[in-house]
Amino acid sequence: MPWPLYNNGISMLKKDNLAFGAMIGLVLPGIFYGVLSLAALFVETGPAWARPFETDRLVLLALIINVIPIRLYFVTYKYDKTGRGVLLVTFLLMVIYFLVIRYF
């Protein structure tokens, strides 16, 4: 038992619950968006049309990170409810994103 915190951390993520999946689907892109925003502070070069770190692109890149937990929960762990929660939140965030881009 050399790594008790590691085992507890992994077992904490093994839940088959729709609300838990929705929480993962909201928190993980938020953290990744923060990391990408910090990276964007250091990389602001090139013409305006070629900048990879504009806000709209950062949002889409942050949502793409949800592919990892979707695959993990659907395929590896076989936890359908958690995977559906992540997928539902990802879908809703994508719809909101495209509606905001279209109308605002």
PDB file of N, CA and C in Angstrom:
ATOM      1  N   MET A   1       0.806  -1.189   0.000  1.00  0.00           N
ATOM      2  CA  MET A   1       0.000   0.000   0.000  1.00  0.00           C
ATOM      3  C   MET A   1       0.856   1.264   0.000  1.00  0.00           C
ATOM      4  N   PRO A   2       1.723   1.420  -0.984  1.00  0.00           N
ATOM      5  CA  PRO A   2       2.585   2.594  -0.989  1.00  0.00           C
ATOM      6  C   PRO A   2       1.883   3.860  -1.469  1.00  0.00           C
ATOM      7  N   TRP A   3       0.813   3.736  -2.227  1.00  0.00           N
ATOM      8  CA  TRP A   3       0.132   4.912  -2.775  1.00  0.00           C
ATOM      9  C   TRP A   3      -1.350   4.910  -2.385  1.00  0.00           C
ATOM     10  N   PRO A   4      -1.684   5.132  -1.130  1.00  0.00           N
ATOM     11  CA  PRO A   4      -3.099   5.071  -0.747  1.00  0.00           C
ATOM     12  C   PRO A   4      -3.928   6.214  -1.331  1.00  0.00           C
ATOM     13  N   LEU A   5      -3.310   7.391  -1.512  1.00  0.00           N
ATOM     14  CA  LEU A   5      -4.075   8.500  -2.078  1.00  0.00           C
ATOM     15  C   LEU A   5      -4.409   8.266  -3.539  1.00  0.00           C
ATOM     16  N   TYR A   6      -3.503   7.615  -4.262  1.00  0.00           N
ATOM     17  CA  TYR A   6      -3.741   7.310  -5.668  1.00  0.00           C
ATOM     18  C   TYR A   6      -4.926   6.360  -5.810  1.00  0.00           C
ATOM     19  N   ASN A   7      -4.976   5.331  -5.006  1.00  0.00           N
ATOM     20  CA  ASN A   7      -6.078   4.366  -5.096  1.00  0.00           C
ATOM     21  C   ASN A   7      -7.404   5.008  -4.726  1.00  0.00           C
ATOM     22  N   ASN A   8      -7.422   5.864  -3.714  1.00  0.00           N
ATOM     23  CA  ASN A   8      -8.667   6.534  -3.344  1.00  0.00           C
ATOM     24  C   ASN A   8      -9.109   7.519  -4.415  1.00  0.00           C
ATOM     25  N   GLY A   9      -8.169   8.180  -5.061  1.00  0.00           N
ATOM     26  CA  GLY A   9      -8.515   9.135  -6.107  1.00  0.00           C
ATOM     27  C   GLY A   9      -9.133   8.469  -7.319  1.00  0.00           C
ATOM     28  N   ILE A  10      -8.586   7.315  -7.713  1.00  0.00           N
ATOM     29  CA  ILE A  10      -9.140   6.601  -8.863  1.00  0.00           C
ATOM     30  C   ILE A  10     -10.504   6.013  -8.524  1.00  0.00           C
ATOM     31  N   SER A  11     -10.664   5.462  -7.357  1.00  0.00           N
ATOM     32  CA  SER A  11     -11.954   4.876  -6.993  1.00  0.00           C
ATOM     33  C   SER A  11     -13.020   5.955  -6.829  1.00  0.00           C
ATOM     34  N   MET A  12     -12.600   7.171  -6.493  1.00  0.00           N
ATOM     35  CA  MET A  12     -13.547   8.265  -6.368  1.00  0.00           C
ATOM     36  C   MET A  12     -14.154   8.607  -7.729  1.00  0.00           C
ATOM     37  N   LEU A  13     -13.420   8.407  -8.811  1.00  0.00           N
ATOM     38  CA  LEU A  13     -13.919   8.710 -10.148  1.00  0.00           C
ATOM     39  C   LEU A  13     -14.748   7.584 -10.744  1.00  0.00           C
ATOM     40  N   LYS A  14     -14.821   6.459 -10.077  1.00  0.00           N
ATOM     41  CA  LYS A  14     -15.588   5.326 -10.595  1.00  0.00           C
ATOM     42  C   LYS A  14     -16.987   5.314  -9.988  1.00  0.00           C
ATOM     43  N   LYS A  15     -17.833   6.195 -10.511  1.00  0.00           N
ATOM     44  CA  LYS A  15     -19.223   6.273 -10.087  1.00  0.00           C
ATOM     45  C   LYS A  15     -20.098   6.259 -11.326  1.00  0.00           C
ATOM     46  N   ASP A  16     -21.208   5.577 -11.256  1.00  0.00           N
ATOM     47  CA  ASP A  16     -22.149   5.541 -12.368  1.00  0.00           C
ATOM     48  C   ASP A  16     -23.355   6.399 -12.004  1.00  0.00           C
ATOM     49  N   ASN A  17     -23.213   7.712 -12.227  1.00  0.00           N
ATOM     50  CA  ASN A  17     -24.222   8.656 -11.804  1.00  0.00           C
ATOM     51  C   ASN A  17     -24.296   9.777 -12.844  1.00  0.00           C
ATOM     52  N   LEU A  18     -25.494  10.110 -13.268  1.00  0.00           N
ATOM     53  CA  LEU A  18     -25.685  11.139 -14.291  1.00  0.00           C
ATOM     54  C   LEU A  18     -25.206  12.512 -13.808  1.00  0.00           C
ATOM     55  N   ALA A  19     -25.507  12.859 -12.565  1.00  0.00           N
ATOM     56  CA  ALA A  19     -25.091  14.160 -12.030  1.00  0.00           C
ATOM     57  C   ALA A  19     -23.570  14.247 -11.917  1.00  0.00           C
ATOM     58  N   PHE A  20     -22.930  13.160 -11.555  1.00  0.00           N
ATOM     59  CA  PHE A  20     -21.465  13.138 -11.473  1.00  0.00           C
ATOM     60  C   PHE A  20     -20.861  13.345 -12.856  1.00  0.00           C
ATOM     61  N   GLY A  21     -21.433  12.738 -13.871  1.00  0.00           N
ATOM     62  CA  GLY A  21     -20.965  12.937 -15.240  1.00  0.00           C
ATOM     63  C   GLY A  21     -21.174  14.372 -15.708  1.00  0.00           C
ATOM     64  N   ALA A  22     -22.306  14.972 -15.320  1.00  0.00           N
ATOM     65  CA  ALA A  22     -22.561  16.361 -15.686  1.00  0.00           C
ATOM     66  C   ALA A  22     -21.552  17.288 -15.013  1.00  0.00           C
ATOM     67  N   MET A  23     -21.200  16.971 -13.767  1.00  0.00           N
ATOM     68  CA  MET A  23     -20.214  17.784 -13.066  1.00  0.00           C
ATOM     69  C   MET A  23     -18.848  17.692 -13.755  1.00  0.00           C
ATOM     70  N   ILE A  24     -18.459  16.492 -14.143  1.00  0.00           N
ATOM     71  CA  ILE A  24     -17.196  16.317 -14.860  1.00  0.00           C
ATOM     72  C   ILE A  24     -17.240  17.071 -16.182  1.00  0.00           C
ATOM     73  N   GLY A  25     -18.376  16.996 -16.869  1.00  0.00           N
ATOM     74  CA  GLY A  25     -18.532  17.673 -18.148  1.00  0.00           C
ATOM     75  C   GLY A  25     -18.476  19.190 -18.054  1.00  0.00           C
ATOM     76  N   LEU A  26     -18.771  19.753 -16.897  1.00  0.00           N
ATOM     77  CA  LEU A  26     -18.677  21.202 -16.711  1.00  0.00           C
ATOM     78  C   LEU A  26     -17.311  21.631 -16.178  1.00  0.00           C
ATOM     79  N   VAL A  27     -16.774  20.869 -15.245  1.00  0.00           N
ATOM     80  CA  VAL A  27     -15.538  21.275 -14.568  1.00  0.00           C
ATOM     81  C   VAL A  27     -14.318  21.100 -15.466  1.00  0.00           C
ATOM     82  N   LEU A  28     -14.226  19.980 -16.152  1.00  0.00           N
ATOM     83  CA  LEU A  28     -13.038  19.698 -16.956  1.00  0.00           C
ATOM     84  C   LEU A  28     -12.815  20.724 -18.072  1.00  0.00           C
ATOM     85  N   PRO A  29     -13.823  21.117 -18.859  1.00  0.00           N
ATOM     86  CA  PRO A  29     -13.586  22.163 -19.856  1.00  0.00           C
ATOM     87  C   PRO A  29     -13.253  23.520 -19.231  1.00  0.00           C
ATOM     88  N   GLY A  30     -13.810  23.797 -18.067  1.00  0.00           N
ATOM     89  CA  GLY A  30     -13.486  25.054 -17.392  1.00  0.00           C
ATOM     90  C   GLY A  30     -12.023  25.139 -17.008  1.00  0.00           C
ATOM     91  N   ILE A  31     -11.507  24.048 -16.471  1.00  0.00           N
ATOM     92  CA  ILE A  31     -10.086  24.002 -16.108  1.00  0.00           C
ATOM     93  C   ILE A  31      -9.219  24.105 -17.357  1.00  0.00           C
ATOM     94  N   PHE A  32      -9.585  23.366 -18.396  1.00  0.00           N
ATOM     95  CA  PHE A  32      -8.794  23.378 -19.625  1.00  0.00           C
ATOM     96  C   PHE A  32      -8.860  24.744 -20.314  1.00  0.00           C
ATOM     97  N   TYR A  33     -10.002  25.416 -20.224  1.00  0.00           N
ATOM     98  CA  TYR A  33     -10.111  26.767 -20.780  1.00  0.00           C
ATOM     99  C   TYR A  33      -9.170  27.718 -20.048  1.00  0.00           C
ATOM    100  N   GLY A  34      -9.079  27.571 -18.730  1.00  0.00           N
ATOM    101  CA  GLY A  34      -8.151  28.395 -17.960  1.00  0.00           C
ATOM    102  C   GLY A  34      -6.710  28.161 -18.362  1.00  0.00           C
ATOM    103  N   VAL A  35      -6.343  26.903 -18.571  1.00  0.00           N
ATOM    104  CA  VAL A  35      -4.982  26.579 -18.995  1.00  0.00           C
ATOM    105  C   VAL A  35      -4.703  27.158 -20.383  1.00  0.00           C
ATOM    106  N   LEU A  36      -5.651  27.020 -21.283  1.00  0.00           N
ATOM    107  CA  LEU A  36      -5.473  27.572 -22.627  1.00  0.00           C
ATOM    108  C   LEU A  36      -5.410  29.098 -22.614  1.00  0.00           C
ATOM    109  N   SER A  37      -6.179  29.731 -21.745  1.00  0.00           N
ATOM    110  CA  SER A  37      -6.140  31.182 -21.640  1.00  0.00           C
ATOM    111  C   SER A  37      -4.787  31.659 -21.126  1.00  0.00           C
ATOM    112  N   LEU A  38      -4.230  30.927 -20.168  1.00  0.00           N
ATOM    113  CA  LEU A  38      -2.891  31.263 -19.690  1.00  0.00           C
ATOM    114  C   LEU A  38      -1.853  31.084 -20.793  1.00  0.00           C
ATOM    115  N   ALA A  39      -1.997  30.037 -21.578  1.00  0.00           N
ATOM    116  CA  ALA A  39      -1.073  29.827 -22.695  1.00  0.00           C
ATOM    117  C   ALA A  39      -1.223  30.928 -23.734  1.00  0.00           C
ATOM    118  N   ALA A  40      -2.435  31.423 -23.911  1.00  0.00           N
ATOM    119  CA  ALA A  40      -2.679  32.476 -24.899  1.00  0.00           C
ATOM    120  C   ALA A  40      -1.998  33.784 -24.504  1.00  0.00           C
ATOM    121  N   LEU A  41      -1.779  33.991 -23.230  1.00  0.00           N
ATOM    122  CA  LEU A  41      -1.089  35.206 -22.800  1.00  0.00           C
ATOM    123  C   LEU A  41       0.354  35.242 -23.294  1.00  0.00           C
ATOM    124  N   PHE A  42       0.940  34.064 -23.458  1.00  0.00           N
ATOM    125  CA  PHE A  42       2.332  33.973 -23.865  1.00  0.00           C
ATOM    126  C   PHE A  42       2.517  33.834 -25.368  1.00  0.00           C
ATOM    127  N   VAL A  43       1.447  33.480 -26.088  1.00  0.00           N
ATOM    128  CA  VAL A  43       1.554  33.268 -27.527  1.00  0.00           C
ATOM    129  C   VAL A  43       0.576  34.203 -28.229  1.00  0.00           C
ATOM    130  N   GLU A  44       1.015  35.372 -28.554  1.00  0.00           N
ATOM    131  CA  GLU A  44       0.192  36.329 -29.296  1.00  0.00           C
ATOM    132  C   GLU A  44       1.022  36.882 -30.449  1.00  0.00           C
ATOM    133  N   THR A  45       1.317  36.036 -31.398  1.00  0.00           N
ATOM    134  CA  THR A  45       2.115  36.463 -32.544  1.00  0.00           C
ATOM    135  C   THR A  45       1.373  36.148 -33.826  1.00  0.00           C
ATOM    136  N   GLY A  46       1.797  36.757 -34.905  1.00  0.00           N
ATOM    137  CA  GLY A  46       1.224  36.491 -36.208  1.00  0.00           C
ATOM    138  C   GLY A  46       0.103  37.435 -36.545  1.00  0.00           C
ATOM    139  N   PRO A  47      -0.384  37.328 -37.768  1.00  0.00           N
ATOM    140  CA  PRO A  47      -1.500  38.182 -38.179  1.00  0.00           C
ATOM    141  C   PRO A  47      -2.784  37.788 -37.453  1.00  0.00           C
ATOM    142  N   ALA A  48      -3.737  38.681 -37.446  1.00  0.00           N
ATOM    143  CA  ALA A  48      -4.979  38.468 -36.695  1.00  0.00           C
ATOM    144  C   ALA A  48      -5.751  37.243 -37.182  1.00  0.00           C
ATOM    145  N   TRP A  49      -5.710  36.948 -38.463  1.00  0.00           N
ATOM    146  CA  TRP A  49      -6.480  35.808 -38.986  1.00  0.00           C
ATOM    147  C   TRP A  49      -5.831  34.471 -38.653  1.00  0.00           C
ATOM    148  N   ALA A  50      -4.583  34.449 -38.214  1.00  0.00           N
ATOM    149  CA  ALA A  50      -3.881  33.198 -37.955  1.00  0.00           C
ATOM    150  C   ALA A  50      -3.647  32.940 -36.476  1.00  0.00           C
ATOM    151  N   ARG A  51      -4.224  33.721 -35.597  1.00  0.00           N
ATOM    152  CA  ARG A  51      -4.011  33.516 -34.173  1.00  0.00           C
ATOM    153  C   ARG A  51      -4.838  32.333 -33.684  1.00  0.00           C
ATOM    154  N   PRO A  52      -4.194  31.342 -33.088  1.00  0.00           N
ATOM    155  CA  PRO A  52      -4.927  30.149 -32.657  1.00  0.00           C
ATOM    156  C   PRO A  52      -5.650  30.330 -31.334  1.00  0.00           C
ATOM    157  N   PHE A  53      -5.384  31.407 -30.607  1.00  0.00           N
ATOM    158  CA  PHE A  53      -5.922  31.531 -29.254  1.00  0.00           C
ATOM    159  C   PHE A  53      -6.933  32.654 -29.128  1.00  0.00           C
ATOM    160  N   GLU A  54      -7.861  32.742 -30.056  1.00  0.00           N
ATOM    161  CA  GLU A  54      -8.970  33.666 -29.903  1.00  0.00           C
ATOM    162  C   GLU A  54     -10.016  33.011 -29.012  1.00  0.00           C
ATOM    163  N   THR A  55     -10.881  33.812 -28.432  1.00  0.00           N
ATOM    164  CA  THR A  55     -11.824  33.310 -27.428  1.00  0.00           C
ATOM    165  C   THR A  55     -12.739  32.223 -27.984  1.00  0.00           C
ATOM    166  N   ASP A  56     -13.260  32.405 -29.193  1.00  0.00           N
ATOM    167  CA  ASP A  56     -14.167  31.397 -29.740  1.00  0.00           C
ATOM    168  C   ASP A  56     -13.449  30.071 -29.978  1.00  0.00           C
ATOM    169  N   ARG A  57     -12.207  30.125 -30.404  1.00  0.00           N
ATOM    170  CA  ARG A  57     -11.446  28.889 -30.614  1.00  0.00           C
ATOM    171  C   ARG A  57     -11.078  28.238 -29.293  1.00  0.00           C
ATOM    172  N   LEU A  58     -10.804  29.045 -28.282  1.00  0.00           N
ATOM    173  CA  LEU A  58     -10.479  28.489 -26.970  1.00  0.00           C
ATOM    174  C   LEU A  58     -11.665  27.722 -26.385  1.00  0.00           C
ATOM    175  N   VAL A  59     -12.859  28.240 -26.592  1.00  0.00           N
ATOM    176  CA  VAL A  59     -14.053  27.565 -26.076  1.00  0.00           C
ATOM    177  C   VAL A  59     -14.219  26.204 -26.744  1.00  0.00           C
ATOM    178  N   LEU A  60     -14.065  26.152 -28.062  1.00  0.00           N
ATOM    179  CA  LEU A  60     -14.203  24.873 -28.763  1.00  0.00           C
ATOM    180  C   LEU A  60     -13.109  23.890 -28.351  1.00  0.00           C
ATOM    181  N   LEU A  61     -11.883  24.371 -28.215  1.00  0.00           N
ATOM    182  CA  LEU A  61     -10.802  23.487 -27.771  1.00  0.00           C
ATOM    183  C   LEU A  61     -11.051  22.975 -26.355  1.00  0.00           C
ATOM    184  N   ALA A  62     -11.606  23.821 -25.503  1.00  0.00           N
ATOM    185  CA  ALA A  62     -11.896  23.396 -24.134  1.00  0.00           C
ATOM    186  C   ALA A  62     -12.990  22.333 -24.109  1.00  0.00           C
ATOM    187  N   LEU A  63     -13.939  22.412 -25.029  1.00  0.00           N
ATOM    188  CA  LEU A  63     -15.007  21.409 -25.058  1.00  0.00           C
ATOM    189  C   LEU A  63     -14.529  20.077 -25.631  1.00  0.00           C
ATOM    190  N   ILE A  64     -13.519  20.123 -26.474  1.00  0.00           N
ATOM    191  CA  ILE A  64     -13.001  18.888 -27.072  1.00  0.00           C
ATOM    192  C   ILE A  64     -12.389  17.974 -26.013  1.00  0.00           C
ATOM    193  N   ILE A  65     -11.916  18.538 -24.914  1.00  0.00           N
ATOM    194  CA  ILE A  65     -11.289  17.734 -23.859  1.00  0.00           C
ATOM    195  C   ILE A  65     -12.284  16.728 -23.263  1.00  0.00           C
ATOM    196  N   ASN A  66     -13.581  16.970 -23.411  1.00  0.00           N
ATOM    197  CA  ASN A  66     -14.579  16.048 -22.875  1.00  0.00           C
ATOM    198  C   ASN A  66     -14.627  14.717 -23.626  1.00  0.00           C
ATOM    199  N   VAL A  67     -13.954  14.624 -24.749  1.00  0.00           N
ATOM    200  CA  VAL A  67     -13.900  13.346 -25.464  1.00  0.00           C
ATOM    201  C   VAL A  67     -13.209  12.282 -24.602  1.00  0.00           C
ATOM    202  N   ILE A  68     -12.224  12.697 -23.824  1.00  0.00           N
ATOM    203  CA  ILE A  68     -11.472  11.740 -22.993  1.00  0.00           C
ATOM    204  C   ILE A  68     -12.364  11.094 -21.932  1.00  0.00           C
ATOM    205  N   PRO A  69     -13.094  11.865 -21.097  1.00  0.00           N
ATOM    206  CA  PRO A  69     -13.958  11.170 -20.135  1.00  0.00           C
ATOM    207  C   PRO A  69     -15.131  10.436 -20.777  1.00  0.00           C
ATOM    208  N   ILE A  70     -15.615  10.916 -21.926  1.00  0.00           N
ATOM    209  CA  ILE A  70     -16.700  10.187 -22.593  1.00  0.00           C
ATOM    210  C   ILE A  70     -16.220   8.801 -22.983  1.00  0.00           C
ATOM    211  N   ARG A  71     -15.068   8.736 -23.602  1.00  0.00           N
ATOM    212  CA  ARG A  71     -14.504   7.432 -23.987  1.00  0.00           C
ATOM    213  C   ARG A  71     -14.185   6.584 -22.766  1.00  0.00           C
ATOM    214  N   LEU A  72     -13.625   7.208 -21.749  1.00  0.00           N
ATOM    215  CA  LEU A  72     -13.248   6.482 -20.535  1.00  0.00           C
ATOM    216  C   LEU A  72     -14.459   5.840 -19.871  1.00  0.00           C
ATOM    217  N   TYR A  73     -15.536   6.597 -19.720  1.00  0.00           N
ATOM    218  CA  TYR A  73     -16.702   6.071 -19.010  1.00  0.00           C
ATOM    219  C   TYR A  73     -17.558   5.142 -19.864  1.00  0.00           C
ATOM    220  N   PHE A  74     -17.656   5.381 -21.157  1.00  0.00           N
ATOM    221  CA  PHE A  74     -18.463   4.495 -21.993  1.00  0.00           C
ATOM    222  C   PHE A  74     -17.739   3.188 -22.311  1.00  0.00           C
ATOM    223  N   VAL A  75     -16.479   3.258 -22.685  1.00  0.00           N
ATOM    224  CA  VAL A  75     -15.768   2.083 -23.182  1.00  0.00           C
ATOM    225  C   VAL A  75     -14.995   1.356 -22.085  1.00  0.00           C
ATOM    226  N   THR A  76     -14.190   2.086 -21.325  1.00  0.00           N
ATOM    227  CA  THR A  76     -13.314   1.437 -20.361  1.00  0.00           C
ATOM    228  C   THR A  76     -14.070   0.965 -19.124  1.00  0.00           C
ATOM    229  N   TYR A  77     -14.812   1.881 -18.485  1.00  0.00           N
ATOM    230  CA  TYR A  77     -15.489   1.534 -17.233  1.00  0.00           C
ATOM    231  C   TYR A  77     -16.882   0.956 -17.422  1.00  0.00           C
ATOM    232  N   LYS A  78     -17.483   1.139 -18.583  1.00  0.00           N
ATOM    233  CA  LYS A  78     -18.861   0.693 -18.868  1.00  0.00           C
ATOM    234  C   LYS A  78     -19.880   1.358 -17.933  1.00  0.00           C
ATOM    235  N   TYR A  79     -19.636   2.628 -17.606  1.00  0.00           N
ATOM    236  CA  TYR A  79     -20.563   3.404 -16.768  1.00  0.00           C
ATOM    237  C   TYR A  79     -21.374   4.299 -17.693  1.00  0.00           C
ATOM    238  N   ASP A  80     -22.512   3.804 -18.121  1.00  0.00           N
ATOM    239  CA  ASP A  80     -23.310   4.515 -19.115  1.00  0.00           C
ATOM    240  C   ASP A  80     -23.903   5.817 -18.584  1.00  0.00           C
ATOM    241  N   LYS A  81     -24.353   5.823 -17.330  1.00  0.00           N
ATOM    242  CA  LYS A  81     -24.973   7.036 -16.794  1.00  0.00           C
ATOM    243  C   LYS A  81     -23.973   8.183 -16.692  1.00  0.00           C
ATOM    244  N   THR A  82     -22.781   7.899 -16.226  1.00  0.00           N
ATOM    245  CA  THR A  82     -21.761   8.949 -16.122  1.00  0.00           C
ATOM    246  C   THR A  82     -21.362   9.437 -17.509  1.00  0.00           C
ATOM    247  N   GLY A  83     -21.176   8.522 -18.436  1.00  0.00           N
ATOM    248  CA  GLY A  83     -20.838   8.901 -19.802  1.00  0.00           C
ATOM    249  C   GLY A  83     -21.929   9.737 -20.443  1.00  0.00           C
ATOM    250  N   ARG A  84     -23.191   9.390 -20.177  1.00  0.00           N
ATOM    251  CA  ARG A  84     -24.303  10.175 -20.711  1.00  0.00           C
ATOM    252  C   ARG A  84     -24.341  11.573 -20.111  1.00  0.00           C
ATOM    253  N   GLY A  85     -23.990  11.692 -18.838  1.00  0.00           N
ATOM    254  CA  GLY A  85     -23.938  13.012 -18.206  1.00  0.00           C
ATOM    255  C   GLY A  85     -22.905  13.904 -18.859  1.00  0.00           C
ATOM    256  N   VAL A  86     -21.715  13.360 -19.102  1.00  0.00           N
ATOM    257  CA  VAL A  86     -20.659  14.138 -19.763  1.00  0.00           C
ATOM    258  C   VAL A  86     -21.088  14.488 -21.182  1.00  0.00           C
ATOM    259  N   LEU A  87     -21.652  13.526 -21.891  1.00  0.00           N
ATOM    260  CA  LEU A  87     -22.081  13.755 -23.271  1.00  0.00           C
ATOM    261  C   LEU A  87     -23.205  14.785 -23.345  1.00  0.00           C
ATOM    262  N   LEU A  88     -24.154  14.723 -22.424  1.00  0.00           N
ATOM    263  CA  LEU A  88     -25.269  15.665 -22.397  1.00  0.00           C
ATOM    264  C   LEU A  88     -24.772  17.096 -22.171  1.00  0.00           C
ATOM    265  N   VAL A  89     -23.903  17.275 -21.194  1.00  0.00           N
ATOM    266  CA  VAL A  89     -23.387  18.614 -20.906  1.00  0.00           C
ATOM    267  C   VAL A  89     -22.560  19.132 -22.081  1.00  0.00           C
ATOM    268  N   THR A  90     -21.768  18.256 -22.686  1.00  0.00           N
ATOM    269  CA  THR A  90     -20.963  18.670 -23.841  1.00  0.00           C
ATOM    270  C   THR A  90     -21.861  19.107 -24.992  1.00  0.00           C
ATOM    271  N   PHE A  91     -22.907  18.349 -25.246  1.00  0.00           N
ATOM    272  CA  PHE A  91     -23.842  18.697 -26.317  1.00  0.00           C
ATOM    273  C   PHE A  91     -24.534  20.025 -26.025  1.00  0.00           C
ATOM    274  N   LEU A  92     -25.006  20.217 -24.793  1.00  0.00           N
ATOM    275  CA  LEU A  92     -25.681  21.460 -24.442  1.00  0.00           C
ATOM    276  C   LEU A  92     -24.739  22.658 -24.538  1.00  0.00           C
ATOM    277  N   LEU A  93     -23.500  22.486 -24.102  1.00  0.00           N
ATOM    278  CA  LEU A  93     -22.534  23.582 -24.204  1.00  0.00           C
ATOM    279  C   LEU A  93     -22.219  23.919 -25.660  1.00  0.00           C
ATOM    280  N   MET A  94     -22.158  22.914 -26.515  1.00  0.00           N
ATOM    281  CA  MET A  94     -21.930  23.166 -27.948  1.00  0.00           C
ATOM    282  C   MET A  94     -23.113  23.920 -28.563  1.00  0.00           C
ATOM    283  N   VAL A  95     -24.321  23.521 -28.238  1.00  0.00           N
ATOM    284  CA  VAL A  95     -25.507  24.200 -28.768  1.00  0.00           C
ATOM    285  C   VAL A  95     -25.530  25.649 -28.294  1.00  0.00           C
ATOM    286  N   ILE A  96     -25.274  25.880 -27.013  1.00  0.00           N
ATOM    287  CA  ILE A  96     -25.240  27.240 -26.479  1.00  0.00           C
ATOM    288  C   ILE A  96     -24.151  28.050 -27.171  1.00  0.00           C
ATOM    289  N   TYR A  97     -22.990  27.438 -27.373  1.00  0.00           N
ATOM    290  CA  TYR A  97     -21.882  28.127 -28.029  1.00  0.00           C
ATOM    291  C   TYR A  97     -22.285  28.583 -29.435  1.00  0.00           C
ATOM    292  N   PHE A  98     -22.872  27.695 -30.231  1.00  0.00           N
ATOM    293  CA  PHE A  98     -23.225  28.052 -31.605  1.00  0.00           C
ATOM    294  C   PHE A  98     -24.397  29.043 -31.647  1.00  0.00           C
ATOM    295  N   LEU A  99     -25.312  28.977 -30.697  1.00  0.00           N
ATOM    296  CA  LEU A  99     -26.378  29.973 -30.657  1.00  0.00           C
ATOM    297  C   LEU A  99     -25.829  31.353 -30.297  1.00  0.00           C
ATOM    298  N   VAL A 100     -24.879  31.400 -29.367  1.00  0.00           N
ATOM    299  CA  VAL A 100     -24.280  32.684 -28.998  1.00  0.00           C
ATOM    300  C   VAL A 100     -23.497  33.260 -30.162  1.00  0.00           C
ATOM    301  N   ILE A 101     -22.734  32.420 -30.859  1.00  0.00           N
ATOM    302  CA  ILE A 101     -21.965  32.891 -32.011  1.00  0.00           C
ATOM    303  C   ILE A 101     -22.897  33.385 -33.123  1.00  0.00           C
ATOM    304  N   ARG A 102     -24.009  32.700 -33.313  1.00  0.00           N
ATOM    305  CA  ARG A 102     -24.926  33.033 -34.404  1.00  0.00           C
ATOM    306  C   ARG A 102     -25.698  34.320 -34.141  1.00  0.00           C
ATOM    307  N   TYR A 103     -26.179  34.495 -32.921  1.00  0.00           N
ATOM    308  CA  TYR A 103     -27.090  35.593 -32.641  1.00  0.00           C
ATOM    309  C   TYR A 103     -26.473  36.751 -31.874  1.00  0.00           C
ATOM    310  N   PHE A 104     -25.247  36.603 -31.402  1.00  0.00           N
ATOM    311  CA  PHE A 104     -24.647  37.712 -30.645  1.00  0.00           C
ATOM    312  C   PHE A 104     -23.341  38.032 -31.214  1.00  0.00           C
TER     313      PHE A 104
END
